[in-house]
């Protein structure tokens, strides 16, 4: 019975690591996506400015 409990604890630790890594990957994806959107909007705005003058 002791080995079963130990195995369940190890499985819980592995699941916790997997979930934490998924959260980190999601946060990195969101942060990099925002910087790309800002860069694209700056490039678009710079391209339109001379045409309106």
N, C-alpha and C. Protein backbone atom coordinates (compact mmCIF):
# COMPACT_ATOMS: atom_id res chain seq x y z
N UNK A 1 0.83 -1.20 0.00
CA UNK A 1 0.00 0.00 0.00
C UNK A 1 0.87 1.25 0.00
N UNK A 2 2.02 1.19 0.65
CA UNK A 2 2.92 2.34 0.72
C UNK A 2 3.47 2.72 -0.64
N UNK A 3 3.76 1.70 -1.46
CA UNK A 3 4.30 1.98 -2.79
C UNK A 3 3.22 2.61 -3.69
N UNK A 4 1.98 2.23 -3.47
CA UNK A 4 0.89 2.81 -4.25
C UNK A 4 0.74 4.30 -3.94
N UNK A 5 0.80 4.65 -2.67
CA UNK A 5 0.70 6.04 -2.26
C UNK A 5 1.88 6.84 -2.80
N UNK A 6 3.07 6.24 -2.75
CA UNK A 6 4.26 6.91 -3.28
C UNK A 6 4.12 7.12 -4.79
N UNK A 7 3.59 6.15 -5.49
CA UNK A 7 3.38 6.29 -6.93
C UNK A 7 2.38 7.37 -7.26
N UNK A 8 1.33 7.49 -6.46
CA UNK A 8 0.31 8.53 -6.67
C UNK A 8 0.92 9.91 -6.42
N UNK A 9 1.78 10.02 -5.41
CA UNK A 9 2.44 11.30 -5.14
C UNK A 9 3.33 11.71 -6.30
N UNK A 10 4.08 10.75 -6.84
CA UNK A 10 4.95 11.05 -7.97
C UNK A 10 4.12 11.47 -9.18
N UNK A 11 3.02 10.78 -9.41
CA UNK A 11 2.14 11.14 -10.53
C UNK A 11 1.56 12.55 -10.35
N UNK A 12 1.25 12.90 -9.11
CA UNK A 12 0.73 14.25 -8.83
C UNK A 12 1.79 15.30 -9.09
N UNK A 13 3.04 15.03 -8.72
CA UNK A 13 4.13 15.98 -8.98
C UNK A 13 4.35 16.16 -10.48
N UNK A 14 4.30 15.06 -11.22
CA UNK A 14 4.48 15.13 -12.68
C UNK A 14 3.35 15.93 -13.30
N UNK A 15 2.12 15.70 -12.86
CA UNK A 15 0.98 16.44 -13.39
C UNK A 15 1.11 17.93 -13.06
N UNK A 16 1.60 18.25 -11.88
CA UNK A 16 1.78 19.65 -11.50
C UNK A 16 2.83 20.33 -12.38
N UNK A 17 3.91 19.62 -12.68
CA UNK A 17 4.95 20.17 -13.55
C UNK A 17 4.42 20.40 -14.95
N UNK A 18 3.63 19.47 -15.45
CA UNK A 18 3.06 19.60 -16.80
C UNK A 18 2.12 20.80 -16.86
N UNK A 19 1.28 20.96 -15.85
CA UNK A 19 0.35 22.09 -15.84
C UNK A 19 1.10 23.42 -15.73
N UNK A 20 2.13 23.47 -14.89
CA UNK A 20 2.89 24.71 -14.74
C UNK A 20 3.59 25.07 -16.05
N UNK A 21 4.13 24.09 -16.74
CA UNK A 21 4.80 24.38 -18.01
C UNK A 21 3.79 24.85 -19.05
N UNK A 22 2.60 24.30 -19.04
CA UNK A 22 1.57 24.74 -19.98
C UNK A 22 1.18 26.19 -19.73
N UNK A 23 1.09 26.58 -18.46
CA UNK A 23 0.76 27.96 -18.12
C UNK A 23 1.87 28.90 -18.57
N UNK A 24 3.11 28.50 -18.37
CA UNK A 24 4.25 29.33 -18.79
C UNK A 24 4.25 29.49 -20.30
N UNK A 25 4.01 28.42 -21.03
CA UNK A 25 3.98 28.49 -22.49
C UNK A 25 2.86 29.41 -22.96
N UNK A 26 1.71 29.32 -22.31
CA UNK A 26 0.59 30.19 -22.69
C UNK A 26 0.91 31.66 -22.43
N UNK A 27 1.53 31.95 -21.30
CA UNK A 27 1.89 33.34 -20.99
C UNK A 27 2.92 33.88 -21.97
N UNK A 28 3.89 33.07 -22.32
CA UNK A 28 4.91 33.50 -23.29
C UNK A 28 4.25 33.75 -24.64
N UNK A 29 3.32 32.91 -25.03
CA UNK A 29 2.61 33.11 -26.29
C UNK A 29 1.81 34.40 -26.30
N UNK A 30 1.15 34.71 -25.20
CA UNK A 30 0.38 35.94 -25.12
C UNK A 30 1.28 37.16 -25.17
N UNK A 31 2.39 37.12 -24.45
CA UNK A 31 3.31 38.26 -24.42
C UNK A 31 3.94 38.50 -25.78
N UNK A 32 4.36 37.45 -26.45
CA UNK A 32 4.98 37.62 -27.76
C UNK A 32 3.94 38.05 -28.79
N UNK A 33 2.71 37.62 -28.64
CA UNK A 33 1.65 38.02 -29.56
C UNK A 33 1.33 39.50 -29.46
N UNK A 34 1.35 40.04 -28.25
CA UNK A 34 1.08 41.46 -28.05
C UNK A 34 2.18 42.31 -28.65
N UNK A 35 3.42 41.89 -28.52
CA UNK A 35 4.51 42.69 -29.07
C UNK A 35 4.47 42.67 -30.60
N UNK A 36 4.06 41.55 -31.16
CA UNK A 36 3.95 41.47 -32.62
C UNK A 36 2.83 42.36 -33.13
N UNK A 37 1.71 42.40 -32.41
CA UNK A 37 0.59 43.24 -32.81
C UNK A 37 0.99 44.71 -32.74
N UNK A 38 1.69 45.10 -31.69
CA UNK A 38 2.12 46.48 -31.55
C UNK A 38 3.09 46.84 -32.68
N UNK A 39 4.02 45.94 -33.00
CA UNK A 39 4.99 46.22 -34.05
C UNK A 39 4.28 46.34 -35.40
N UNK A 40 3.29 45.51 -35.65
CA UNK A 40 2.57 45.57 -36.91
C UNK A 40 1.76 46.86 -37.01
N UNK A 41 1.16 47.29 -35.92
CA UNK A 41 0.37 48.52 -35.97
C UNK A 41 1.26 49.73 -36.16
N UNK A 42 2.46 49.71 -35.59
CA UNK A 42 3.39 50.82 -35.78
C UNK A 42 3.84 50.88 -37.24
N UNK A 43 4.14 49.72 -37.83
CA UNK A 43 4.56 49.69 -39.23
C UNK A 43 3.42 50.15 -40.14
N UNK A 44 2.21 49.75 -39.87
CA UNK A 44 1.07 50.15 -40.68
C UNK A 44 0.84 51.64 -40.57
N UNK A 45 0.90 52.16 -39.37
CA UNK A 45 0.70 53.59 -39.16
C UNK A 45 1.78 54.40 -39.85
N UNK A 46 3.00 53.95 -39.83
CA UNK A 46 4.09 54.67 -40.48
C UNK A 46 3.92 54.65 -41.99
N UNK A 47 3.37 53.58 -42.52
CA UNK A 47 3.18 53.48 -43.97
C UNK A 47 2.04 54.37 -44.46
N UNK A 48 1.04 54.60 -43.63
CA UNK A 48 -0.12 55.39 -44.04
C UNK A 48 0.12 56.89 -43.87
N UNK A 49 1.00 57.28 -43.00
CA UNK A 49 1.20 58.70 -42.70
C UNK A 49 1.61 59.53 -43.93
N UNK A 50 2.60 59.13 -44.73
CA UNK A 50 2.97 59.96 -45.88
C UNK A 50 1.86 60.06 -46.94
N UNK A 51 1.01 59.04 -47.05
CA UNK A 51 -0.05 59.06 -48.05
C UNK A 51 -1.11 60.11 -47.73
N UNK A 52 -1.37 60.38 -46.45
CA UNK A 52 -2.43 61.30 -46.08
C UNK A 52 -1.99 62.75 -46.17
N UNK A 53 -0.70 63.00 -46.22
CA UNK A 53 -0.22 64.38 -46.25
C UNK A 53 -0.38 65.02 -47.61
